[in-house]
């Protein structure tokens, strides 16, 4: 006959066993649920909208080590693949640049890269998941025996806690990597916008050339009529044939420039990520920025605003934080835990067994014993700092040299444009008008008129080409500086 206390103890034991099973089952269900949720979140449907942040000021270590300001990443309600907007009419450069900046896949990919990098920050400052272990002794005569009874099962929960400063430094590393991703996003946008500008100005030049050729074609037909009139009054038939040949030559040039215009339209459509839309058109008037007067302002602005330089500078700051993290490896990491053991009186060998459960606390720490490994990590991190610093210096010299070269090129092009605008084109127009009048009055031959006619067309095309080259060089200068030159002048 069993003692009543034995019956009560067995009931408690059954309850604890069932409770432990429920706890373990709940933990397994939560793990499965997390896997299911993560699978649902694998395919994002909305593109992130990124707000740019400020960059560290170069040349000052304190500014490099300053804490970056992090902006939140919001999500647009529009789908990740934007609808292509047809543009049958001529649109401004700003319109096409806005389209490219909002819908180009490379820009979208860079924004997602920023969003992914931002998600690293809470991971960097968070602790690792605690470890829960369970031990069962299913064979009674091989289980642990204590004075309170036989240990049937035990649970242990362990948590690793790094040295307090390590989590902070890891977070600072992640923040600087976010700044690098933001700079890369800005550089990607500038690269795409430069492609749009170059294609836009190529398209403008080809449209301008077609317009000039059509105007010249009308003048050529007028020359044919003048040559025929002179032939009827005793002139040479050779003049008529030469005039007709000039008309045919212009027709060939029209076909050539029409082909180049189609290529430029395709390049512009590709740059705005709309290759299957309506072929883009641009206005006939070209707005050109004035040549900046102070090169020093451009160089100073480039050091502050160029995205590549900002990314390199943030890389230096990040590597310095990594070096600090390597130095913190000299300090130990902690490990705390708590355990619970289910004790039962069943098949216990202790004569005083009472079935009281056991609870324990544990505290451990790592011992930074292997100094050679730690010192090697510090040397590696220091070498990375020196490497990134030299990369920033090299990028700075390359960027500033490119700006100087583009600025000098702009000065030469502007001087050429002024010569054409003020002297060459007006004089060629007066010369051709005078030659046509003299030809009609039998004071000059047709060959001289035709040579002047051909030269005037060539000069007009060269002037248009200079305008397009000036605009493209100015766009490249904006791209090298990192901001619009007009804002620097202001």
Protein backbone atom coordinates (compact mmCIF):
# COMPACT_ATOMS: atom_id res chain seq x y z
CA UNK A 1 0.00 0.00 0.00
CA UNK A 2 1.43 3.32 -1.13
CA UNK A 3 1.86 6.18 1.23
CA UNK A 4 -0.35 9.19 0.39
CA UNK A 5 2.69 11.45 0.10
CA UNK A 6 4.13 9.12 -2.50
CA UNK A 7 0.96 9.37 -4.52
CA UNK A 8 1.06 13.19 -4.29
CA UNK A 9 4.72 13.32 -5.33
CA UNK A 10 4.05 11.12 -8.36
CA UNK A 11 1.22 13.42 -9.40
CA UNK A 12 3.54 16.43 -9.19
CA UNK A 13 6.13 14.54 -11.19
CA UNK A 14 3.63 13.80 -13.95
CA UNK A 15 2.60 17.42 -14.00
CA UNK A 16 6.21 18.65 -14.36
CA UNK A 17 6.92 16.17 -17.12
CA UNK A 18 3.83 17.24 -19.06
CA UNK A 19 4.65 20.90 -18.50
CA UNK A 20 8.20 20.40 -19.75
CA UNK A 21 6.91 18.69 -22.87
CA UNK A 22 4.53 21.57 -23.54
CA UNK A 23 7.34 24.10 -23.15
CA UNK A 24 9.58 22.22 -25.59
CA UNK A 25 6.70 21.82 -28.03
CA UNK A 26 5.98 25.56 -27.84
CA UNK A 27 9.61 26.37 -28.54
CA UNK A 28 9.58 24.11 -31.61
CA UNK A 29 6.33 25.67 -32.86
CA UNK A 30 7.75 29.18 -32.47
CA UNK A 31 10.84 28.17 -34.45
CA UNK A 32 8.70 26.73 -37.26
CA UNK A 33 6.54 29.85 -37.22
CA UNK A 34 9.58 32.10 -37.59
CA UNK A 35 10.71 30.06 -40.60
CA UNK A 36 7.28 30.40 -42.18
CA UNK A 37 7.23 34.17 -41.64
CA UNK A 38 10.72 34.59 -43.04
CA UNK A 39 9.72 32.66 -46.17
CA UNK A 40 6.79 35.02 -46.70
CA UNK A 41 9.06 38.06 -46.41
CA UNK A 42 11.63 36.86 -48.94
CA UNK A 43 10.12 38.69 -51.95
CA UNK A 44 9.72 42.44 -51.32
CA UNK A 45 7.16 44.18 -53.49
CA UNK A 46 7.95 47.82 -52.87
CA UNK A 47 11.04 49.83 -53.64
CA UNK A 48 12.65 51.81 -50.81
CA UNK A 49 12.90 55.58 -50.87
CA UNK A 50 16.24 56.76 -49.55
CA UNK A 51 17.06 60.12 -47.99
CA UNK A 52 20.67 61.17 -48.42
CA UNK A 53 22.74 62.00 -45.36
CA UNK A 54 25.69 64.26 -44.83
CA UNK A 55 29.27 63.10 -45.28
CA UNK A 56 32.27 63.48 -43.01
CA UNK A 57 34.47 66.47 -43.69
CA UNK A 58 37.83 65.46 -45.09
CA UNK A 59 41.09 66.53 -43.62
CA UNK A 60 39.90 66.38 -39.98
CA UNK A 61 40.14 63.22 -37.96
CA UNK A 62 37.52 64.38 -35.52
CA UNK A 63 34.99 64.78 -38.29
CA UNK A 64 35.83 61.36 -39.67
CA UNK A 65 35.20 59.79 -36.30
CA UNK A 66 31.99 61.74 -35.74
CA UNK A 67 28.80 59.76 -35.38
CA UNK A 68 26.84 59.60 -38.61
CA UNK A 69 23.21 60.63 -38.76
CA UNK A 70 20.95 57.85 -40.00
CA UNK A 71 17.76 58.58 -41.92
CA UNK A 72 14.90 56.12 -42.05
CA UNK A 73 14.19 54.21 -45.24
CA UNK A 74 10.57 54.49 -46.28
CA UNK A 75 8.79 52.36 -48.86
CA UNK A 76 6.95 53.74 -51.83
CA UNK A 77 3.45 52.62 -52.65
CA UNK A 78 4.33 52.23 -56.31
CA UNK A 79 5.46 48.82 -57.60
CA UNK A 80 9.15 48.08 -58.06
CA UNK A 81 8.76 48.09 -61.85
CA UNK A 82 7.32 51.52 -62.71
CA UNK A 83 5.02 52.01 -65.63
CA UNK A 84 6.72 53.42 -68.73
CA UNK A 85 5.32 56.86 -69.51
CA UNK A 86 5.22 57.66 -73.21
CA UNK A 87 6.56 61.07 -74.25
CA UNK A 88 5.55 61.76 -77.86
CA UNK A 89 6.29 65.49 -77.55
CA UNK A 90 9.69 67.08 -77.03
CA UNK A 91 10.57 67.06 -73.34
CA UNK A 92 13.15 68.97 -71.35
CA UNK A 93 16.34 67.48 -69.94
CA UNK A 94 14.94 67.69 -66.41
CA UNK A 95 11.99 65.53 -67.42
CA UNK A 96 14.20 62.73 -68.69
CA UNK A 97 16.53 62.99 -65.71
CA UNK A 98 13.58 62.68 -63.35
CA UNK A 99 12.38 59.56 -65.15
CA UNK A 100 15.80 57.93 -65.00
CA UNK A 101 16.28 58.77 -61.33
CA UNK A 102 12.90 57.31 -60.38
CA UNK A 103 12.71 54.16 -62.47
CA UNK A 104 16.14 53.01 -63.64
CA UNK A 105 16.89 49.46 -62.37
CA UNK A 106 20.43 50.33 -61.30
CA UNK A 107 19.13 53.13 -59.09
CA UNK A 108 16.47 50.82 -57.65
CA UNK A 109 19.11 48.18 -56.95
CA UNK A 110 21.33 50.73 -55.17
CA UNK A 111 18.36 51.80 -53.02
CA UNK A 112 17.70 48.21 -52.04
CA UNK A 113 21.40 47.89 -51.18
CA UNK A 114 21.03 50.86 -48.81
CA UNK A 115 17.94 49.28 -47.27
CA UNK A 116 19.81 46.00 -46.77
CA UNK A 117 22.78 47.80 -45.20
CA UNK A 118 20.50 49.71 -42.84
CA UNK A 119 19.09 46.42 -41.61
CA UNK A 120 22.58 45.45 -40.45
CA UNK A 121 22.60 48.14 -37.74
CA UNK A 122 20.14 46.49 -35.31
CA UNK A 123 21.86 43.18 -35.97
CA UNK A 124 25.24 44.64 -35.07
CA UNK A 125 24.12 46.02 -31.71
CA UNK A 126 22.01 42.98 -30.75
CA UNK A 127 23.09 40.04 -28.62
CA UNK A 128 23.28 36.54 -29.99
CA UNK A 129 20.30 34.26 -29.45
CA UNK A 130 20.42 32.50 -26.09
CA UNK A 131 21.12 28.79 -26.13
CA UNK A 132 18.54 26.51 -24.53
CA UNK A 133 19.70 22.95 -23.86
CA UNK A 134 17.79 20.08 -22.34
CA UNK A 135 19.07 16.83 -20.84
CA UNK A 136 16.97 13.72 -20.18
CA UNK A 137 17.86 10.62 -18.15
CA UNK A 138 15.45 7.97 -19.42
CA UNK A 139 17.21 5.08 -17.58
CA UNK A 140 16.61 5.43 -13.89
CA UNK A 141 19.66 3.55 -12.61
CA UNK A 142 21.96 5.67 -14.79
CA UNK A 143 20.56 9.09 -13.91
CA UNK A 144 22.05 11.61 -11.52
CA UNK A 145 21.14 11.01 -7.91
CA UNK A 146 21.03 13.79 -5.32
CA UNK A 147 19.97 14.02 -1.71
CA UNK A 148 16.62 15.42 -2.84
CA UNK A 149 16.04 12.56 -5.25
CA UNK A 150 16.72 11.40 -8.79
CA UNK A 151 17.21 14.02 -11.53
CA UNK A 152 14.80 13.14 -14.35
CA UNK A 153 15.47 16.04 -16.69
CA UNK A 154 17.19 19.41 -16.72
CA UNK A 155 17.06 22.62 -18.81
CA UNK A 156 19.86 25.16 -19.21
CA UNK A 157 19.54 28.65 -20.76
CA UNK A 158 22.85 30.33 -21.67
CA UNK A 159 23.45 33.86 -22.99
CA UNK A 160 26.72 35.22 -24.42
CA UNK A 161 27.38 38.85 -23.51
CA UNK A 162 30.30 40.58 -25.27
CA UNK A 163 32.39 43.20 -23.59
CA UNK A 164 30.04 46.24 -23.43
CA UNK A 165 32.11 48.47 -25.74
CA UNK A 166 32.21 45.81 -28.48
CA UNK A 167 28.53 46.08 -29.33
CA UNK A 168 28.79 49.86 -29.57
CA UNK A 169 31.77 49.67 -31.93
CA UNK A 170 30.06 47.06 -34.09
CA UNK A 171 27.09 49.38 -34.41
CA UNK A 172 29.38 52.24 -35.43
CA UNK A 173 30.94 50.03 -38.09
CA UNK A 174 27.49 49.22 -39.47
CA UNK A 175 26.52 52.91 -39.49
CA UNK A 176 29.59 53.81 -41.51
CA UNK A 177 28.88 51.03 -43.96
CA UNK A 178 25.42 52.55 -44.36
CA UNK A 179 27.02 55.90 -45.21
CA UNK A 180 29.15 54.14 -47.80
CA UNK A 181 26.04 52.57 -49.30
CA UNK A 182 24.35 55.99 -49.43
CA UNK A 183 27.38 57.43 -51.22
CA UNK A 184 27.31 54.53 -53.68
CA UNK A 185 23.62 55.24 -54.30
CA UNK A 186 24.40 58.88 -55.01
CA UNK A 187 27.20 57.86 -57.37
CA UNK A 188 24.89 55.46 -59.19
CA UNK A 189 22.32 58.23 -59.65
CA UNK A 190 25.01 60.57 -60.98
CA UNK A 191 26.25 57.90 -63.40
CA UNK A 192 22.74 57.32 -64.76
CA UNK A 193 22.04 61.05 -65.02
CA UNK A 194 25.30 61.55 -66.92
CA UNK A 195 24.26 58.90 -69.43
CA UNK A 196 20.93 60.69 -69.84
CA UNK A 197 22.65 64.05 -70.41
CA UNK A 198 25.16 62.69 -72.93
CA UNK A 199 22.42 60.92 -74.90
CA UNK A 200 20.20 64.01 -74.68
CA UNK A 201 22.89 66.30 -76.13
CA UNK A 202 23.72 63.79 -78.86
CA UNK A 203 20.06 63.69 -79.80
CA UNK A 204 19.89 67.49 -79.75
CA UNK A 205 22.88 67.76 -82.09
CA UNK A 206 21.43 65.28 -84.57
CA UNK A 207 18.09 67.09 -84.55
CA UNK A 208 19.91 70.37 -85.04
CA UNK A 209 21.97 68.90 -87.88
CA UNK A 210 18.83 67.63 -89.61
CA UNK A 211 17.27 71.06 -89.31
CA UNK A 212 20.35 72.74 -90.82
CA UNK A 213 20.49 70.20 -93.64
CA UNK A 214 16.84 70.73 -94.47
CA UNK A 215 17.39 74.49 -94.57
CA UNK A 216 20.43 74.00 -96.76
CA UNK A 217 18.48 71.65 -98.97
CA UNK A 218 16.02 74.45 -99.72
CA UNK A 219 18.91 76.75 -100.57
CA UNK A 220 20.40 74.05 -102.80
CA UNK A 221 17.16 73.75 -104.70
CA UNK A 222 17.18 77.52 -105.11
CA UNK A 223 20.73 77.24 -106.52
CA UNK A 224 19.48 74.68 -109.03
CA UNK A 225 16.82 77.13 -110.17
CA UNK A 226 19.41 79.91 -110.44
CA UNK A 227 21.74 77.68 -112.44
CA UNK A 228 18.90 76.69 -114.80
CA UNK A 229 17.96 80.32 -115.31
CA UNK A 230 21.53 81.21 -116.16
CA UNK A 231 21.81 78.18 -118.46
CA UNK A 232 18.75 79.39 -120.41
CA UNK A 233 20.51 82.72 -120.95
CA UNK A 234 23.72 81.16 -122.23
CA UNK A 235 25.32 79.81 -119.09
CA UNK A 236 27.03 76.44 -118.62
CA UNK A 237 25.05 73.24 -118.09
CA UNK A 238 27.84 72.18 -115.74
CA UNK A 239 26.50 74.59 -113.13
CA UNK A 240 23.08 72.89 -113.23
CA UNK A 241 24.62 69.44 -112.79
CA UNK A 242 26.82 70.60 -109.92
CA UNK A 243 23.83 72.18 -108.17
CA UNK A 244 21.80 68.98 -108.57
CA UNK A 245 24.75 66.96 -107.29
CA UNK A 246 24.84 69.16 -104.20
CA UNK A 247 21.14 68.44 -103.61
CA UNK A 248 21.86 64.70 -103.83
CA UNK A 249 24.80 65.00 -101.45
CA UNK A 250 22.63 66.76 -98.88
CA UNK A 251 20.00 64.03 -99.25
CA UNK A 252 22.68 61.47 -98.40
CA UNK A 253 23.72 63.47 -95.36
CA UNK A 254 20.08 63.64 -94.25
CA UNK A 255 19.89 59.83 -94.28
CA UNK A 256 23.13 59.58 -92.32
CA UNK A 257 21.99 62.00 -89.63
CA UNK A 258 18.57 60.34 -89.45
CA UNK A 259 20.34 57.07 -88.66
CA UNK A 260 22.46 58.79 -86.01
CA UNK A 261 19.33 60.40 -84.56
CA UNK A 262 17.70 56.98 -84.21
CA UNK A 263 20.80 55.73 -82.39
CA UNK A 264 20.74 58.75 -80.05
CA UNK A 265 17.03 58.22 -79.38
CA UNK A 266 17.68 54.60 -78.49
CA UNK A 267 20.54 55.61 -76.18
CA UNK A 268 18.33 58.15 -74.41
CA UNK A 269 15.44 55.68 -74.10
CA UNK A 270 17.81 53.11 -72.62
CA UNK A 271 19.23 55.67 -70.19
CA UNK A 272 15.75 56.45 -68.85
CA UNK A 273 14.93 52.71 -68.75
CA UNK A 274 12.23 52.98 -71.39
CA UNK A 275 13.68 51.25 -74.48
CA UNK A 276 10.27 50.08 -75.74
CA UNK A 277 8.47 53.39 -75.35
CA UNK A 278 7.88 56.17 -77.83
CA UNK A 279 11.20 57.50 -79.28
CA UNK A 280 12.10 60.56 -77.18
CA UNK A 281 12.34 64.04 -78.65
CA UNK A 282 14.13 67.13 -77.34
CA UNK A 283 13.42 70.85 -77.81
CA UNK A 284 15.29 72.77 -80.51
CA UNK A 285 16.66 75.34 -78.06
CA UNK A 286 19.63 74.24 -75.96
CA UNK A 287 20.09 75.75 -72.51
CA UNK A 288 23.78 76.03 -71.66
CA UNK A 289 25.22 76.83 -68.25
CA UNK A 290 27.74 79.68 -68.06
CA UNK A 291 31.37 78.77 -67.53
CA UNK A 292 32.25 78.96 -63.81
CA UNK A 293 34.86 81.59 -63.03
CA UNK A 294 36.62 80.10 -59.98
CA UNK A 295 38.22 76.68 -60.29
CA UNK A 296 39.16 76.64 -56.59
CA UNK A 297 35.49 76.62 -55.60
CA UNK A 298 34.88 73.58 -57.79
CA UNK A 299 37.81 71.69 -56.29
CA UNK A 300 36.66 72.48 -52.75
CA UNK A 301 33.10 71.44 -53.59
CA UNK A 302 34.32 68.17 -55.06
CA UNK A 303 36.15 67.28 -51.84
CA UNK A 304 32.88 67.77 -49.96
CA UNK A 305 30.31 66.42 -52.40
CA UNK A 306 31.89 63.83 -54.71
CA UNK A 307 30.22 60.50 -53.80
CA UNK A 308 33.30 58.40 -54.53
CA UNK A 309 35.38 60.57 -52.22
CA UNK A 310 32.69 60.40 -49.53
CA UNK A 311 32.56 56.61 -49.80
CA UNK A 312 36.35 56.37 -49.51
CA UNK A 313 36.34 58.73 -46.55
CA UNK A 314 33.67 56.72 -44.77
CA UNK A 315 35.71 53.60 -45.50
CA UNK A 316 38.63 55.15 -43.59
CA UNK A 317 36.34 55.88 -40.64
CA UNK A 318 34.88 52.36 -40.77
CA UNK A 319 38.33 50.74 -40.80
CA UNK A 320 39.35 52.83 -37.79
CA UNK A 321 36.34 51.50 -35.92
CA UNK A 322 37.31 47.97 -36.96
CA UNK A 323 40.79 48.59 -35.59
CA UNK A 324 39.24 49.67 -32.29
CA UNK A 325 37.15 46.50 -32.33
CA UNK A 326 40.30 44.44 -32.88
CA UNK A 327 41.88 46.14 -29.84
CA UNK A 328 38.82 45.25 -27.76
CA UNK A 329 39.55 41.58 -28.36
CA UNK A 330 41.95 41.92 -25.43
CA UNK A 331 38.94 42.08 -23.12
CA UNK A 332 36.92 38.98 -22.20
CA UNK A 333 33.38 38.13 -23.16
CA UNK A 334 30.92 37.00 -20.51
CA UNK A 335 28.51 34.10 -20.48
CA UNK A 336 25.64 33.89 -18.02
CA UNK A 337 23.08 31.18 -17.62
CA UNK A 338 20.38 29.64 -15.50
CA UNK A 339 19.50 26.00 -15.07
CA UNK A 340 16.56 24.05 -13.77
CA UNK A 341 16.53 20.33 -12.85
CA UNK A 342 13.41 18.26 -12.31
CA UNK A 343 13.96 16.04 -9.25
CA UNK A 344 11.68 13.12 -8.45
CA UNK A 345 11.39 10.70 -5.53
CA UNK A 346 10.70 7.79 -7.86
CA UNK A 347 13.51 5.28 -7.85
CA UNK A 348 15.59 7.62 -5.73
CA UNK A 349 18.34 6.04 -3.63
CA UNK A 350 18.46 8.81 -1.04
CA UNK A 351 16.60 7.95 2.13
CA UNK A 352 15.75 11.62 2.67
CA UNK A 353 14.54 12.34 -0.89
CA UNK A 354 11.85 15.03 -0.95
CA UNK A 355 11.57 15.75 -4.74
CA UNK A 356 12.55 19.41 -4.51
CA UNK A 357 13.64 20.79 -7.91
CA UNK A 358 17.00 22.45 -8.38
CA UNK A 359 17.72 25.91 -9.78
CA UNK A 360 21.24 27.16 -10.49
CA UNK A 361 22.99 30.20 -11.95
CA UNK A 362 26.22 30.05 -13.96
CA UNK A 363 28.72 32.75 -14.88
CA UNK A 364 31.65 32.32 -17.26
CA UNK A 365 34.06 34.39 -19.28
CA UNK A 366 36.46 33.94 -22.14
CA UNK A 367 40.15 34.22 -21.39
CA UNK A 368 42.03 36.30 -24.03
CA UNK A 369 45.02 34.04 -23.69
CA UNK A 370 46.35 33.82 -27.26
CA UNK A 371 48.04 37.19 -27.58
CA UNK A 372 49.63 36.41 -30.93
CA UNK A 373 46.21 36.04 -32.57
CA UNK A 374 44.93 39.29 -31.03
CA UNK A 375 48.04 41.26 -31.99
CA UNK A 376 47.85 39.89 -35.55
CA UNK A 377 44.25 41.05 -35.79
CA UNK A 378 45.25 44.54 -34.65
CA UNK A 379 48.05 44.67 -37.22
CA UNK A 380 45.64 43.56 -39.93
CA UNK A 381 43.12 46.26 -38.96
CA UNK A 382 45.86 48.92 -38.87
CA UNK A 383 46.99 47.90 -42.36
CA UNK A 384 43.41 48.21 -43.58
CA UNK A 385 43.26 51.76 -42.21
CA UNK A 386 46.46 52.67 -44.06
CA UNK A 387 45.13 51.04 -47.24
CA UNK A 388 41.80 52.86 -47.18
CA UNK A 389 43.54 56.17 -46.41
CA UNK A 390 45.80 55.80 -49.43
CA UNK A 391 42.83 54.81 -51.59
CA UNK A 392 41.08 58.01 -50.53
CA UNK A 393 44.18 60.06 -51.37
CA UNK A 394 44.45 58.39 -54.79
CA UNK A 395 40.77 58.95 -55.54
CA UNK A 396 41.08 62.58 -54.46
CA UNK A 397 44.02 63.23 -56.78
CA UNK A 398 42.28 61.49 -59.68
CA UNK A 399 39.05 63.44 -59.15
CA UNK A 400 40.71 66.83 -58.78
CA UNK A 401 42.91 66.19 -61.81
CA UNK A 402 39.86 65.27 -63.87
CA UNK A 403 38.07 68.45 -62.79
CA UNK A 404 41.04 70.60 -63.81
CA UNK A 405 41.22 68.88 -67.19
CA UNK A 406 37.50 69.30 -67.85
CA UNK A 407 37.63 72.94 -66.76
CA UNK A 408 40.48 73.71 -69.15
CA UNK A 409 38.62 71.91 -71.94
CA UNK A 410 35.54 74.02 -71.25
CA UNK A 411 37.59 77.19 -71.47
CA UNK A 412 38.90 76.20 -74.90
CA UNK A 413 35.46 75.20 -76.16
CA UNK A 414 33.94 78.43 -74.90
CA UNK A 415 36.62 80.42 -76.72
CA UNK A 416 35.85 78.51 -79.93
CA UNK A 417 32.13 79.05 -79.50
CA UNK A 418 32.68 82.77 -79.10
CA UNK A 419 34.77 82.90 -82.31
CA UNK A 420 32.08 81.07 -84.25
CA UNK A 421 29.25 83.09 -82.72
CA UNK A 422 30.83 86.53 -83.03
CA UNK A 423 32.89 86.27 -86.21
CA UNK A 424 32.83 83.08 -88.28
CA UNK A 425 29.10 82.51 -88.73
CA UNK A 426 28.12 86.17 -89.39
CA UNK A 427 30.92 86.60 -91.92
CA UNK A 428 30.13 83.34 -93.70
CA UNK A 429 26.48 84.36 -93.96
CA UNK A 430 27.45 87.73 -95.49
CA UNK A 431 29.91 86.06 -97.87
CA UNK A 432 27.41 83.52 -99.19
CA UNK A 433 24.72 86.16 -99.70
CA UNK A 434 27.19 88.35 -101.59
CA UNK A 435 28.40 85.44 -103.74
CA UNK A 436 24.83 84.47 -104.70
CA UNK A 437 24.07 88.07 -105.68
CA UNK A 438 27.25 88.27 -107.77
CA UNK A 439 26.49 84.95 -109.44
CA UNK A 440 23.05 86.18 -110.42
CA UNK A 441 24.72 89.28 -111.86
CA UNK A 442 27.30 87.20 -113.78
CA UNK A 443 30.14 88.59 -111.67
CA UNK A 444 31.42 85.24 -110.30
CA UNK A 445 31.41 81.59 -111.35
CA UNK A 446 29.30 78.80 -109.88
CA UNK A 447 32.23 76.87 -108.39
CA UNK A 448 33.00 79.68 -105.97
CA UNK A 449 29.35 79.92 -104.92
CA UNK A 450 29.16 76.17 -104.39
CA UNK A 451 32.37 76.12 -102.33
CA UNK A 452 31.06 78.91 -100.12
CA UNK A 453 27.72 77.16 -99.83
CA UNK A 454 29.37 73.91 -98.70
CA UNK A 455 31.69 75.75 -96.30
CA UNK A 456 28.78 77.57 -94.66
CA UNK A 457 26.95 74.29 -93.98
CA UNK A 458 30.11 72.81 -92.51
CA UNK A 459 30.60 75.84 -90.25
CA UNK A 460 27.01 75.69 -88.97
CA UNK A 461 27.39 71.98 -88.21
CA UNK A 462 30.68 72.65 -86.43
CA UNK A 463 29.06 75.40 -84.36
CA UNK A 464 26.25 73.05 -83.36
CA UNK A 465 28.80 70.37 -82.56
CA UNK A 466 30.67 72.83 -80.34
CA UNK A 467 27.47 73.64 -78.45
CA UNK A 468 26.77 69.94 -77.89
CA UNK A 469 30.37 69.27 -76.85
CA UNK A 470 30.27 72.20 -74.44
CA UNK A 471 27.06 70.87 -72.88
CA UNK A 472 28.44 67.33 -72.58
CA UNK A 473 31.70 68.56 -71.06
CA UNK A 474 29.73 70.66 -68.56
CA UNK A 475 27.70 67.57 -67.65
CA UNK A 476 30.90 65.62 -67.10
CA UNK A 477 32.20 68.42 -64.89
CA UNK A 478 28.99 68.34 -62.81
CA UNK A 479 29.43 64.57 -62.53
CA UNK A 480 33.05 64.92 -61.39
CA UNK A 481 32.23 67.59 -58.78
CA UNK A 482 29.21 65.70 -57.50
CA UNK A 483 26.79 68.65 -57.53
CA UNK A 484 25.55 71.14 -60.08
CA UNK A 485 28.09 73.84 -60.79
CA UNK A 486 25.44 76.55 -60.55
CA UNK A 487 24.86 75.67 -56.89
CA UNK A 488 28.60 75.91 -56.23
CA UNK A 489 28.73 79.41 -57.71
CA UNK A 490 25.86 80.50 -55.48
